[in-house]
Amino acid sequence: VETLQTLGGYHVIQASNAAIAWIMVMKNPPDLMLVDIHLPGESGIEFMQKCKKKPELSQIPAIVVSGDSARQSVIESSKAGAVSFMVKPVTAYDLLSTVEQVLNPSEETPT
């Protein structure tokens, strides 16, 4: 995540669990969410489902970044609205590239 701040120049806000993330996104909806599946309390999948039910949050893209690569987790994440699924460990380049592709889908990403 620090990579996004330094290399990408993005303003990044972190939350340690879904309850705090919910308060943060309701107060100031972001352009993009990076979500882990396994969070303390409510899961990342439940968090994304909750966001999709709120009109003001439903169009915010979510990228799942998780150490859980199980097929069912990928399917559930997609059903919950994730636009991309990345398995940890993730390189700085891959994370930044995926974020830029999601935020700027019409622009070509350099290879």
C-alpha atoms as a PDB file:
ATOM      1  CA  VAL A   1       0.000   0.000   0.000  1.00  0.00           C
ATOM      2  CA  GLU A   2       2.905   2.336   0.727  1.00  0.00           C
ATOM      3  CA  THR A   3       3.925   1.747  -2.891  1.00  0.00           C
ATOM      4  CA  LEU A   4       0.729   3.393  -4.085  1.00  0.00           C
ATOM      5  CA  GLN A   5       1.534   6.463  -2.028  1.00  0.00           C
ATOM      6  CA  THR A   6       5.139   6.765  -3.147  1.00  0.00           C
ATOM      7  CA  LEU A   7       5.198   5.434  -6.706  1.00  0.00           C
ATOM      8  CA  GLY A   8       1.661   6.178  -7.788  1.00  0.00           C
ATOM      9  CA  GLY A   9       1.153   9.393  -5.873  1.00  0.00           C
ATOM     10  CA  TYR A  10      -2.224   8.185  -4.600  1.00  0.00           C
ATOM     11  CA  HIS A  11      -3.759   9.309  -1.326  1.00  0.00           C
ATOM     12  CA  VAL A  12      -4.184   6.059   0.627  1.00  0.00           C
ATOM     13  CA  ILE A  13      -6.214   5.584   3.783  1.00  0.00           C
ATOM     14  CA  GLN A  14      -5.990   2.296   5.674  1.00  0.00           C
ATOM     15  CA  ALA A  15      -8.415   0.587   8.025  1.00  0.00           C
ATOM     16  CA  SER A  16      -7.581  -2.317  10.320  1.00  0.00           C
ATOM     17  CA  ASN A  17     -11.015  -3.937  10.045  1.00  0.00           C
ATOM     18  CA  ALA A  18     -14.274  -3.744   8.101  1.00  0.00           C
ATOM     19  CA  ALA A  19     -16.113  -1.737  10.765  1.00  0.00           C
ATOM     20  CA  ILE A  20     -13.559   1.069  10.617  1.00  0.00           C
ATOM     21  CA  ALA A  21     -13.441   0.859   6.816  1.00  0.00           C
ATOM     22  CA  TRP A  22     -17.242   1.219   6.701  1.00  0.00           C
ATOM     23  CA  ILE A  23     -17.141   4.420   8.738  1.00  0.00           C
ATOM     24  CA  MET A  24     -14.368   5.781   6.526  1.00  0.00           C
ATOM     25  CA  VAL A  25     -16.047   5.028   3.188  1.00  0.00           C
ATOM     26  CA  MET A  26     -19.381   6.402   4.379  1.00  0.00           C
ATOM     27  CA  LYS A  27     -17.710   9.621   5.508  1.00  0.00           C
ATOM     28  CA  ASN A  28     -15.522  10.062   2.423  1.00  0.00           C
ATOM     29  CA  PRO A  29     -16.164   7.604  -0.442  1.00  0.00           C
ATOM     30  CA  PRO A  30     -12.885   6.627  -2.153  1.00  0.00           C
ATOM     31  CA  ASP A  31     -12.177   6.198  -5.857  1.00  0.00           C
ATOM     32  CA  LEU A  32     -11.050   2.605  -5.257  1.00  0.00           C
ATOM     33  CA  MET A  33     -10.935   0.053  -2.441  1.00  0.00           C
ATOM     34  CA  LEU A  34      -8.242  -2.549  -1.804  1.00  0.00           C
ATOM     35  CA  VAL A  35      -9.848  -5.284   0.283  1.00  0.00           C
ATOM     36  CA  ASP A  36      -8.502  -8.395   2.002  1.00  0.00           C
ATOM     37  CA  ILE A  37     -10.927 -11.297   2.386  1.00  0.00           C
ATOM     38  CA  HIS A  38      -9.855 -12.155   5.927  1.00  0.00           C
ATOM     39  CA  LEU A  39     -10.486  -9.174   8.171  1.00  0.00           C
ATOM     40  CA  PRO A  40     -11.147  -9.114  11.911  1.00  0.00           C
ATOM     41  CA  GLY A  41     -14.908  -9.265  12.462  1.00  0.00           C
ATOM     42  CA  GLU A  42     -16.788  -8.851   9.201  1.00  0.00           C
ATOM     43  CA  SER A  43     -15.043 -10.446   6.198  1.00  0.00           C
ATOM     44  CA  GLY A  44     -13.893  -8.481   3.185  1.00  0.00           C
ATOM     45  CA  ILE A  45     -16.549 -10.228   1.103  1.00  0.00           C
ATOM     46  CA  GLU A  46     -19.276  -9.155   3.534  1.00  0.00           C
ATOM     47  CA  PHE A  47     -17.857  -5.630   3.490  1.00  0.00           C
ATOM     48  CA  MET A  48     -18.001  -5.466  -0.331  1.00  0.00           C
ATOM     49  CA  GLN A  49     -21.571  -6.826  -0.329  1.00  0.00           C
ATOM     50  CA  LYS A  50     -22.574  -4.147   2.179  1.00  0.00           C
ATOM     51  CA  CYS A  51     -20.977  -1.431   0.009  1.00  0.00           C
ATOM     52  CA  LYS A  52     -22.793  -2.651  -3.107  1.00  0.00           C
ATOM     53  CA  LYS A  53     -26.135  -2.206  -1.327  1.00  0.00           C
ATOM     54  CA  LYS A  54     -25.528   1.522  -0.774  1.00  0.00           C
ATOM     55  CA  PRO A  55     -26.144   3.601  -3.922  1.00  0.00           C
ATOM     56  CA  GLU A  56     -23.408   6.087  -3.015  1.00  0.00           C
ATOM     57  CA  LEU A  57     -20.861   3.271  -2.678  1.00  0.00           C
ATOM     58  CA  SER A  58     -22.094   0.745  -5.217  1.00  0.00           C
ATOM     59  CA  GLN A  59     -19.979   2.027  -8.107  1.00  0.00           C
ATOM     60  CA  ILE A  60     -16.661   2.104  -6.228  1.00  0.00           C
ATOM     61  CA  PRO A  61     -14.396  -0.572  -7.705  1.00  0.00           C
ATOM     62  CA  ALA A  62     -12.826  -3.051  -5.294  1.00  0.00           C
ATOM     63  CA  ILE A  63      -9.627  -5.006  -5.825  1.00  0.00           C
ATOM     64  CA  VAL A  64      -9.185  -7.997  -3.536  1.00  0.00           C
ATOM     65  CA  VAL A  65      -5.611  -8.504  -2.347  1.00  0.00           C
ATOM     66  CA  SER A  66      -5.465 -11.676  -0.284  1.00  0.00           C
ATOM     67  CA  GLY A  67      -3.302 -14.612   0.672  1.00  0.00           C
ATOM     68  CA  ASP A  68      -6.355 -16.826   0.134  1.00  0.00           C
ATOM     69  CA  SER A  69      -6.209 -18.180  -3.406  1.00  0.00           C
ATOM     70  CA  ALA A  70      -8.966 -20.782  -3.041  1.00  0.00           C
ATOM     71  CA  ARG A  71     -11.251 -20.958  -6.075  1.00  0.00           C
ATOM     72  CA  GLN A  72     -14.326 -20.390  -3.881  1.00  0.00           C
ATOM     73  CA  SER A  73     -12.800 -17.195  -2.464  1.00  0.00           C
ATOM     74  CA  VAL A  74     -12.183 -15.851  -5.958  1.00  0.00           C
ATOM     75  CA  ILE A  75     -15.760 -16.689  -6.997  1.00  0.00           C
ATOM     76  CA  GLU A  76     -17.282 -15.149  -3.856  1.00  0.00           C
ATOM     77  CA  SER A  77     -15.162 -12.023  -4.287  1.00  0.00           C
ATOM     78  CA  SER A  78     -16.319 -11.624  -7.863  1.00  0.00           C
ATOM     79  CA  LYS A  79     -19.962 -12.105  -6.863  1.00  0.00           C
ATOM     80  CA  ALA A  80     -19.490  -9.483  -4.137  1.00  0.00           C
ATOM     81  CA  GLY A  81     -18.326  -6.998  -6.754  1.00  0.00           C
ATOM     82  CA  ALA A  82     -14.531  -7.276  -6.895  1.00  0.00           C
ATOM     83  CA  VAL A  83     -13.184  -6.133 -10.261  1.00  0.00           C
ATOM     84  CA  SER A  84      -9.839  -7.872  -9.734  1.00  0.00           C
ATOM     85  CA  PHE A  85      -8.336 -10.514  -7.445  1.00  0.00           C
ATOM     86  CA  MET A  86      -4.648 -10.508  -6.566  1.00  0.00           C
ATOM     87  CA  VAL A  87      -2.900 -13.204  -4.532  1.00  0.00           C
ATOM     88  CA  LYS A  88      -0.308 -12.142  -1.955  1.00  0.00           C
ATOM     89  CA  PRO A  89       2.532 -11.631  -2.109  1.00  0.00           C
ATOM     90  CA  VAL A  90       1.933  -8.930  -4.715  1.00  0.00           C
ATOM     91  CA  THR A  91       4.758  -6.995  -6.328  1.00  0.00           C
ATOM     92  CA  ALA A  92       4.684  -3.226  -6.185  1.00  0.00           C
ATOM     93  CA  TYR A  93       4.598  -3.066  -9.986  1.00  0.00           C
ATOM     94  CA  ASP A  94       1.657  -5.486 -10.275  1.00  0.00           C
ATOM     95  CA  LEU A  95      -0.364  -3.674  -7.614  1.00  0.00           C
ATOM     96  CA  LEU A  96       0.258  -0.259  -9.122  1.00  0.00           C
ATOM     97  CA  SER A  97      -0.457  -1.558 -12.624  1.00  0.00           C
ATOM     98  CA  THR A  98      -3.766  -3.129 -11.543  1.00  0.00           C
ATOM     99  CA  VAL A  99      -4.846   0.016  -9.682  1.00  0.00           C
ATOM    100  CA  GLU A 100      -4.078   2.171 -12.723  1.00  0.00           C
ATOM    101  CA  GLN A 101      -5.935  -0.223 -15.061  1.00  0.00           C
ATOM    102  CA  VAL A 102      -9.013  -0.117 -12.834  1.00  0.00           C
ATOM    103  CA  LEU A 103      -8.967   3.653 -12.352  1.00  0.00           C
ATOM    104  CA  ASN A 104      -8.065   4.460 -15.984  1.00  0.00           C
ATOM    105  CA  PRO A 105      -9.445   1.599 -18.097  1.00  0.00           C
ATOM    106  CA  SER A 106      -9.183   3.479 -21.405  1.00  0.00           C
ATOM    107  CA  GLU A 107      -5.480   4.265 -21.005  1.00  0.00           C
ATOM    108  CA  GLU A 108      -2.848   1.749 -22.010  1.00  0.00           C
ATOM    109  CA  THR A 109      -0.550   0.577 -19.240  1.00  0.00           C
ATOM    110  CA  PRO A 110       3.114   0.450 -20.239  1.00  0.00           C
ATOM    111  CA  THR A 111       4.696  -3.003 -20.338  1.00  0.00           C
END
